[in-house]
Amino acid sequence: MKPWRELFFEEVEPPHHFHIGMRIIKTVIAVFICGLLGWLRDETSFFSMIAAVLCMQKSAEKTFTTSFNRIMGTAVGGVFGVVVLFLETELHVQRVMPVYYLIVSLMLIPVIMSTIAIKKPSVAGFACVVFLSTTIYHVGDASPYTYALNRMLDTALGIVVALVVNLAMPGPKKPAPVSALEDMDGPGPVEPAPKA
């Protein structure tokens, strides 16, 4: 293993211009819309806001790819979350919290392995977040299944909002096209013509 200084400071990120760009603006708008939709539904919008932040990318194409991956992760995490909630409801394992936490922790293995099985290992982290938000935050909820469904819907809502906002607003600026006259000589300096 490398020394800690190299681990933290070896790769310096390239400098960025300090400005408020379109990605920041689109993220803010998507989070605001998620908040309004949560308010209209009389629900918290925390999970949809988080999904919108995580899905917003520089371009609509990247947001579309990320959104699809997040939906896959939401489905995997949500399905396993419902399985654990069913076991918890039937076996009442939540009465002994350390046992419940052990079950939840061990269930991360099939969650992660499922993302590998569907050839989407990049969604494992998001699937785990949805799974944990479903199994841990429902504590004391009257209907854990309704809670699980609402968490999956909230996440899907945030994904859709991020995608719609990114498609509706302009993407990154493209470099100006090179005029034909400037491009005639090709790259690099122009060599003087040989003397006859």
C-alpha atoms as a PDB file:
ATOM      1  CA  MET A   1       0.000   0.000   0.000  1.00  0.00           C
ATOM      2  CA  LYS A   2       1.220   3.500  -0.795  1.00  0.00           C
ATOM      3  CA  PRO A   3       2.063   5.978   1.957  1.00  0.00           C
ATOM      4  CA  TRP A   4      -0.939   8.052   3.031  1.00  0.00           C
ATOM      5  CA  ARG A   5       0.392  11.253   1.446  1.00  0.00           C
ATOM      6  CA  GLU A   6       0.513   9.592  -1.947  1.00  0.00           C
ATOM      7  CA  LEU A   7      -2.944   8.115  -1.460  1.00  0.00           C
ATOM      8  CA  PHE A   8      -4.519  11.484  -0.770  1.00  0.00           C
ATOM      9  CA  PHE A   9      -2.396  13.932  -2.734  1.00  0.00           C
ATOM     10  CA  GLU A  10      -0.787  12.030  -5.614  1.00  0.00           C
ATOM     11  CA  GLU A  11      -3.495  12.656  -8.182  1.00  0.00           C
ATOM     12  CA  VAL A  12      -4.400  16.297  -8.200  1.00  0.00           C
ATOM     13  CA  GLU A  13      -7.645  17.046  -9.964  1.00  0.00           C
ATOM     14  CA  PRO A  14      -7.371  19.395 -12.906  1.00  0.00           C
ATOM     15  CA  PRO A  15      -8.281  22.965 -12.026  1.00  0.00           C
ATOM     16  CA  HIS A  16     -11.826  24.022 -12.743  1.00  0.00           C
ATOM     17  CA  HIS A  17     -13.131  27.468 -13.458  1.00  0.00           C
ATOM     18  CA  PHE A  18     -15.085  28.816 -10.522  1.00  0.00           C
ATOM     19  CA  HIS A  19     -18.430  29.616 -12.097  1.00  0.00           C
ATOM     20  CA  ILE A  20     -22.026  28.531 -11.882  1.00  0.00           C
ATOM     21  CA  GLY A  21     -22.497  26.389 -14.962  1.00  0.00           C
ATOM     22  CA  MET A  22     -25.502  24.723 -16.524  1.00  0.00           C
ATOM     23  CA  ARG A  23     -25.029  21.475 -14.608  1.00  0.00           C
ATOM     24  CA  ILE A  24     -25.304  23.330 -11.299  1.00  0.00           C
ATOM     25  CA  ILE A  25     -28.337  25.277 -12.499  1.00  0.00           C
ATOM     26  CA  LYS A  26     -30.036  22.115 -13.800  1.00  0.00           C
ATOM     27  CA  THR A  27     -29.326  20.304 -10.525  1.00  0.00           C
ATOM     28  CA  VAL A  28     -30.840  23.148  -8.498  1.00  0.00           C
ATOM     29  CA  ILE A  29     -33.939  23.225 -10.720  1.00  0.00           C
ATOM     30  CA  ALA A  30     -34.375  19.427 -10.531  1.00  0.00           C
ATOM     31  CA  VAL A  31     -34.071  19.440  -6.728  1.00  0.00           C
ATOM     32  CA  PHE A  32     -36.579  22.302  -6.494  1.00  0.00           C
ATOM     33  CA  ILE A  33     -39.066  20.458  -8.714  1.00  0.00           C
ATOM     34  CA  CYS A  34     -38.644  17.312  -6.590  1.00  0.00           C
ATOM     35  CA  GLY A  35     -39.326  19.404  -3.497  1.00  0.00           C
ATOM     36  CA  LEU A  36     -42.484  20.866  -5.022  1.00  0.00           C
ATOM     37  CA  LEU A  37     -43.720  17.452  -6.130  1.00  0.00           C
ATOM     38  CA  GLY A  38     -43.095  16.059  -2.656  1.00  0.00           C
ATOM     39  CA  TRP A  39     -44.948  18.991  -1.120  1.00  0.00           C
ATOM     40  CA  LEU A  40     -47.904  18.464  -3.462  1.00  0.00           C
ATOM     41  CA  ARG A  41     -47.966  14.751  -2.589  1.00  0.00           C
ATOM     42  CA  ASP A  42     -47.657  15.558   1.126  1.00  0.00           C
ATOM     43  CA  GLU A  43     -44.516  13.403   1.263  1.00  0.00           C
ATOM     44  CA  THR A  44     -40.916  14.106   2.087  1.00  0.00           C
ATOM     45  CA  SER A  45     -38.887  14.591  -1.050  1.00  0.00           C
ATOM     46  CA  PHE A  46     -35.490  13.670   0.395  1.00  0.00           C
ATOM     47  CA  PHE A  47     -35.027  10.491  -1.651  1.00  0.00           C
ATOM     48  CA  SER A  48     -36.198  12.023  -4.932  1.00  0.00           C
ATOM     49  CA  MET A  49     -33.880  14.994  -4.364  1.00  0.00           C
ATOM     50  CA  ILE A  50     -30.917  12.689  -3.736  1.00  0.00           C
ATOM     51  CA  ALA A  51     -31.704  10.703  -6.895  1.00  0.00           C
ATOM     52  CA  ALA A  52     -31.954  13.919  -8.933  1.00  0.00           C
ATOM     53  CA  VAL A  53     -28.559  15.111  -7.675  1.00  0.00           C
ATOM     54  CA  LEU A  54     -26.920  11.755  -8.410  1.00  0.00           C
ATOM     55  CA  CYS A  55     -28.429  11.458 -11.899  1.00  0.00           C
ATOM     56  CA  MET A  56     -27.700  14.955 -13.178  1.00  0.00           C
ATOM     57  CA  GLN A  57     -24.791  14.794 -15.603  1.00  0.00           C
ATOM     58  CA  LYS A  58     -23.103  17.163 -18.043  1.00  0.00           C
ATOM     59  CA  SER A  59     -25.133  16.073 -21.050  1.00  0.00           C
ATOM     60  CA  ALA A  60     -28.549  14.598 -21.723  1.00  0.00           C
ATOM     61  CA  GLU A  61     -26.933  11.429 -23.097  1.00  0.00           C
ATOM     62  CA  LYS A  62     -24.933  10.843 -19.915  1.00  0.00           C
ATOM     63  CA  THR A  63     -27.974  11.664 -17.778  1.00  0.00           C
ATOM     64  CA  PHE A  64     -30.020   9.141 -19.765  1.00  0.00           C
ATOM     65  CA  THR A  65     -27.407   6.416 -19.216  1.00  0.00           C
ATOM     66  CA  THR A  66     -27.049   7.283 -15.536  1.00  0.00           C
ATOM     67  CA  SER A  67     -30.838   7.406 -15.133  1.00  0.00           C
ATOM     68  CA  PHE A  68     -31.260   3.959 -16.648  1.00  0.00           C
ATOM     69  CA  ASN A  69     -28.566   2.598 -14.338  1.00  0.00           C
ATOM     70  CA  ARG A  70     -30.191   4.237 -11.319  1.00  0.00           C
ATOM     71  CA  ILE A  71     -33.561   2.729 -12.217  1.00  0.00           C
ATOM     72  CA  MET A  72     -31.911  -0.695 -12.396  1.00  0.00           C
ATOM     73  CA  GLY A  73     -30.302  -0.084  -8.997  1.00  0.00           C
ATOM     74  CA  THR A  74     -33.607   1.109  -7.555  1.00  0.00           C
ATOM     75  CA  ALA A  75     -35.372  -2.031  -8.754  1.00  0.00           C
ATOM     76  CA  VAL A  76     -32.715  -4.369  -7.351  1.00  0.00           C
ATOM     77  CA  GLY A  77     -32.469  -2.562  -4.008  1.00  0.00           C
ATOM     78  CA  GLY A  78     -36.228  -2.222  -3.715  1.00  0.00           C
ATOM     79  CA  VAL A  79     -36.945  -5.883  -4.415  1.00  0.00           C
ATOM     80  CA  PHE A  80     -34.456  -7.048  -1.802  1.00  0.00           C
ATOM     81  CA  GLY A  81     -35.776  -4.421   0.592  1.00  0.00           C
ATOM     82  CA  VAL A  82     -39.286  -5.834   0.265  1.00  0.00           C
ATOM     83  CA  VAL A  83     -37.929  -9.356   0.877  1.00  0.00           C
ATOM     84  CA  VAL A  84     -36.296  -8.229   4.126  1.00  0.00           C
ATOM     85  CA  LEU A  85     -39.427  -6.340   5.178  1.00  0.00           C
ATOM     86  CA  PHE A  86     -41.486  -9.472   4.548  1.00  0.00           C
ATOM     87  CA  LEU A  87     -39.109 -11.529   6.698  1.00  0.00           C
ATOM     88  CA  GLU A  88     -39.142  -8.852   9.382  1.00  0.00           C
ATOM     89  CA  THR A  89     -42.939  -8.711   9.402  1.00  0.00           C
ATOM     90  CA  GLU A  90     -43.379 -12.487   9.502  1.00  0.00           C
ATOM     91  CA  LEU A  91     -40.537 -13.344  11.903  1.00  0.00           C
ATOM     92  CA  HIS A  92     -40.543 -10.142  13.990  1.00  0.00           C
ATOM     93  CA  VAL A  93     -36.740 -10.079  13.983  1.00  0.00           C
ATOM     94  CA  GLN A  94     -36.719  -6.342  14.549  1.00  0.00           C
ATOM     95  CA  ARG A  95     -37.468  -6.951  18.202  1.00  0.00           C
ATOM     96  CA  VAL A  96     -33.808  -7.922  18.533  1.00  0.00           C
ATOM     97  CA  MET A  97     -32.116  -5.070  16.655  1.00  0.00           C
ATOM     98  CA  PRO A  98     -28.599  -6.594  16.474  1.00  0.00           C
ATOM     99  CA  VAL A  99     -30.085  -9.651  14.722  1.00  0.00           C
ATOM    100  CA  TYR A 100     -32.026  -7.397  12.347  1.00  0.00           C
ATOM    101  CA  TYR A 101     -28.884  -5.377  11.542  1.00  0.00           C
ATOM    102  CA  LEU A 102     -26.995  -8.618  10.913  1.00  0.00           C
ATOM    103  CA  ILE A 103     -29.693  -9.778   8.475  1.00  0.00           C
ATOM    104  CA  VAL A 104     -29.711  -6.404   6.703  1.00  0.00           C
ATOM    105  CA  SER A 105     -25.912  -6.404   6.462  1.00  0.00           C
ATOM    106  CA  LEU A 106     -25.779  -9.956   5.106  1.00  0.00           C
ATOM    107  CA  MET A 107     -28.483  -9.163   2.551  1.00  0.00           C
ATOM    108  CA  LEU A 108     -26.105  -6.665   0.954  1.00  0.00           C
ATOM    109  CA  ILE A 109     -24.295  -9.682  -0.499  1.00  0.00           C
ATOM    110  CA  PRO A 110     -27.185 -10.785  -2.759  1.00  0.00           C
ATOM    111  CA  VAL A 111     -27.955  -7.142  -3.581  1.00  0.00           C
ATOM    112  CA  ILE A 112     -24.414  -6.607  -4.877  1.00  0.00           C
ATOM    113  CA  MET A 113     -24.228 -10.043  -6.523  1.00  0.00           C
ATOM    114  CA  SER A 114     -27.506  -9.342  -8.350  1.00  0.00           C
ATOM    115  CA  THR A 115     -26.056  -6.216  -9.927  1.00  0.00           C
ATOM    116  CA  ILE A 116     -23.101  -8.286 -11.107  1.00  0.00           C
ATOM    117  CA  ALA A 117     -25.444 -10.995 -12.442  1.00  0.00           C
ATOM    118  CA  ILE A 118     -27.346  -8.455 -14.570  1.00  0.00           C
ATOM    119  CA  LYS A 119     -23.982  -7.103 -15.784  1.00  0.00           C
ATOM    120  CA  LYS A 120     -24.477  -3.730 -14.106  1.00  0.00           C
ATOM    121  CA  PRO A 121     -21.908  -3.715 -11.267  1.00  0.00           C
ATOM    122  CA  SER A 122     -21.726   0.079 -11.436  1.00  0.00           C
ATOM    123  CA  VAL A 123     -25.225   0.275  -9.905  1.00  0.00           C
ATOM    124  CA  ALA A 124     -24.291  -1.767  -6.826  1.00  0.00           C
ATOM    125  CA  GLY A 125     -23.771   1.288  -4.625  1.00  0.00           C
ATOM    126  CA  PHE A 126     -27.090   2.822  -5.583  1.00  0.00           C
ATOM    127  CA  ALA A 127     -28.899  -0.505  -5.138  1.00  0.00           C
ATOM    128  CA  CYS A 128     -27.419  -0.757  -1.643  1.00  0.00           C
ATOM    129  CA  VAL A 129     -28.546   2.786  -0.801  1.00  0.00           C
ATOM    130  CA  VAL A 130     -32.123   2.026  -1.895  1.00  0.00           C
ATOM    131  CA  PHE A 131     -32.048  -1.283  -0.023  1.00  0.00           C
ATOM    132  CA  LEU A 132     -30.788   0.344   3.188  1.00  0.00           C
ATOM    133  CA  SER A 133     -33.196   3.272   2.958  1.00  0.00           C
ATOM    134  CA  THR A 134     -36.025   0.777   2.579  1.00  0.00           C
ATOM    135  CA  THR A 135     -35.001  -1.581   5.376  1.00  0.00           C
ATOM    136  CA  ILE A 136     -33.596   0.846   7.940  1.00  0.00           C
ATOM    137  CA  TYR A 137     -35.728   3.989   7.640  1.00  0.00           C
ATOM    138  CA  HIS A 138     -39.061   2.181   7.790  1.00  0.00           C
ATOM    139  CA  VAL A 139     -38.595   1.423  11.508  1.00  0.00           C
ATOM    140  CA  GLY A 140     -41.898   2.037  13.280  1.00  0.00           C
ATOM    141  CA  ASP A 141     -43.761   2.614  10.022  1.00  0.00           C
ATOM    142  CA  ALA A 142     -47.310   1.254  10.027  1.00  0.00           C
ATOM    143  CA  SER A 143     -47.015  -0.405   6.616  1.00  0.00           C
ATOM    144  CA  PRO A 144     -43.459  -1.317   5.624  1.00  0.00           C
ATOM    145  CA  TYR A 145     -44.566  -2.421   2.145  1.00  0.00           C
ATOM    146  CA  THR A 146     -46.166   0.940   1.434  1.00  0.00           C
ATOM    147  CA  TYR A 147     -43.015   2.585   2.725  1.00  0.00           C
ATOM    148  CA  ALA A 148     -40.840   0.446   0.420  1.00  0.00           C
ATOM    149  CA  LEU A 149     -43.034   1.237  -2.570  1.00  0.00           C
ATOM    150  CA  ASN A 150     -42.963   4.959  -1.748  1.00  0.00           C
ATOM    151  CA  ARG A 151     -39.152   4.937  -1.474  1.00  0.00           C
ATOM    152  CA  MET A 152     -38.849   3.254  -4.861  1.00  0.00           C
ATOM    153  CA  LEU A 153     -41.333   5.721  -6.373  1.00  0.00           C
ATOM    154  CA  ASP A 154     -39.539   8.689  -4.778  1.00  0.00           C
ATOM    155  CA  THR A 155     -36.240   7.536  -6.238  1.00  0.00           C
ATOM    156  CA  ALA A 156     -37.784   6.943  -9.664  1.00  0.00           C
ATOM    157  CA  LEU A 157     -39.410  10.391  -9.494  1.00  0.00           C
ATOM    158  CA  GLY A 158     -36.044  12.053  -8.849  1.00  0.00           C
ATOM    159  CA  ILE A 159     -34.494  10.133 -11.731  1.00  0.00           C
ATOM    160  CA  VAL A 160     -37.261  11.154 -14.138  1.00  0.00           C
ATOM    161  CA  VAL A 161     -37.144  14.804 -13.020  1.00  0.00           C
ATOM    162  CA  ALA A 162     -33.360  14.935 -13.544  1.00  0.00           C
ATOM    163  CA  LEU A 163     -33.744  13.408 -16.991  1.00  0.00           C
ATOM    164  CA  VAL A 164     -36.549  15.767 -18.052  1.00  0.00           C
ATOM    165  CA  VAL A 165     -34.718  18.861 -16.760  1.00  0.00           C
ATOM    166  CA  ASN A 166     -31.518  17.837 -18.525  1.00  0.00           C
ATOM    167  CA  LEU A 167     -33.349  17.167 -21.788  1.00  0.00           C
ATOM    168  CA  ALA A 168     -35.307  20.433 -21.575  1.00  0.00           C
ATOM    169  CA  MET A 169     -32.337  22.693 -20.893  1.00  0.00           C
ATOM    170  CA  PRO A 170     -29.287  23.366 -23.054  1.00  0.00           C
ATOM    171  CA  GLY A 171     -26.281  21.092 -22.699  1.00  0.00           C
ATOM    172  CA  PRO A 172     -22.605  21.968 -22.578  1.00  0.00           C
ATOM    173  CA  LYS A 173     -21.245  24.397 -25.110  1.00  0.00           C
ATOM    174  CA  LYS A 174     -19.701  22.708 -28.110  1.00  0.00           C
ATOM    175  CA  PRO A 175     -16.413  24.024 -29.479  1.00  0.00           C
ATOM    176  CA  ALA A 176     -16.819  26.454 -32.331  1.00  0.00           C
ATOM    177  CA  PRO A 177     -16.394  24.754 -35.711  1.00  0.00           C
ATOM    178  CA  VAL A 178     -13.162  25.496 -37.507  1.00  0.00           C
ATOM    179  CA  SER A 179     -13.725  27.359 -40.741  1.00  0.00           C
ATOM    180  CA  ALA A 180     -12.641  25.664 -43.945  1.00  0.00           C
ATOM    181  CA  LEU A 181     -10.073  28.381 -44.590  1.00  0.00           C
ATOM    182  CA  GLU A 182      -8.436  27.916 -41.168  1.00  0.00           C
ATOM    183  CA  ASP A 183      -8.451  24.140 -41.580  1.00  0.00           C
ATOM    184  CA  MET A 184      -6.877  24.045 -45.069  1.00  0.00           C
ATOM    185  CA  ASP A 185      -3.314  23.856 -43.826  1.00  0.00           C
ATOM    186  CA  GLY A 186      -4.068  21.224 -41.212  1.00  0.00           C
ATOM    187  CA  PRO A 187      -2.660  21.269 -37.716  1.00  0.00           C
ATOM    188  CA  GLY A 188       0.586  22.983 -36.818  1.00  0.00           C
ATOM    189  CA  PRO A 189       2.520  25.866 -38.298  1.00  0.00           C
ATOM    190  CA  VAL A 190       2.569  26.422 -42.043  1.00  0.00           C
ATOM    191  CA  GLU A 191       5.903  25.550 -43.658  1.00  0.00           C
ATOM    192  CA  PRO A 192       7.199  28.069 -46.166  1.00  0.00           C
ATOM    193  CA  ALA A 193       7.166  26.894 -49.773  1.00  0.00           C
ATOM    194  CA  PRO A 194      10.578  25.770 -51.093  1.00  0.00           C
ATOM    195  CA  LYS A 195      12.379  28.299 -53.311  1.00  0.00           C
ATOM    196  CA  ALA A 196      12.764  27.338 -56.917  1.00  0.00           C
END
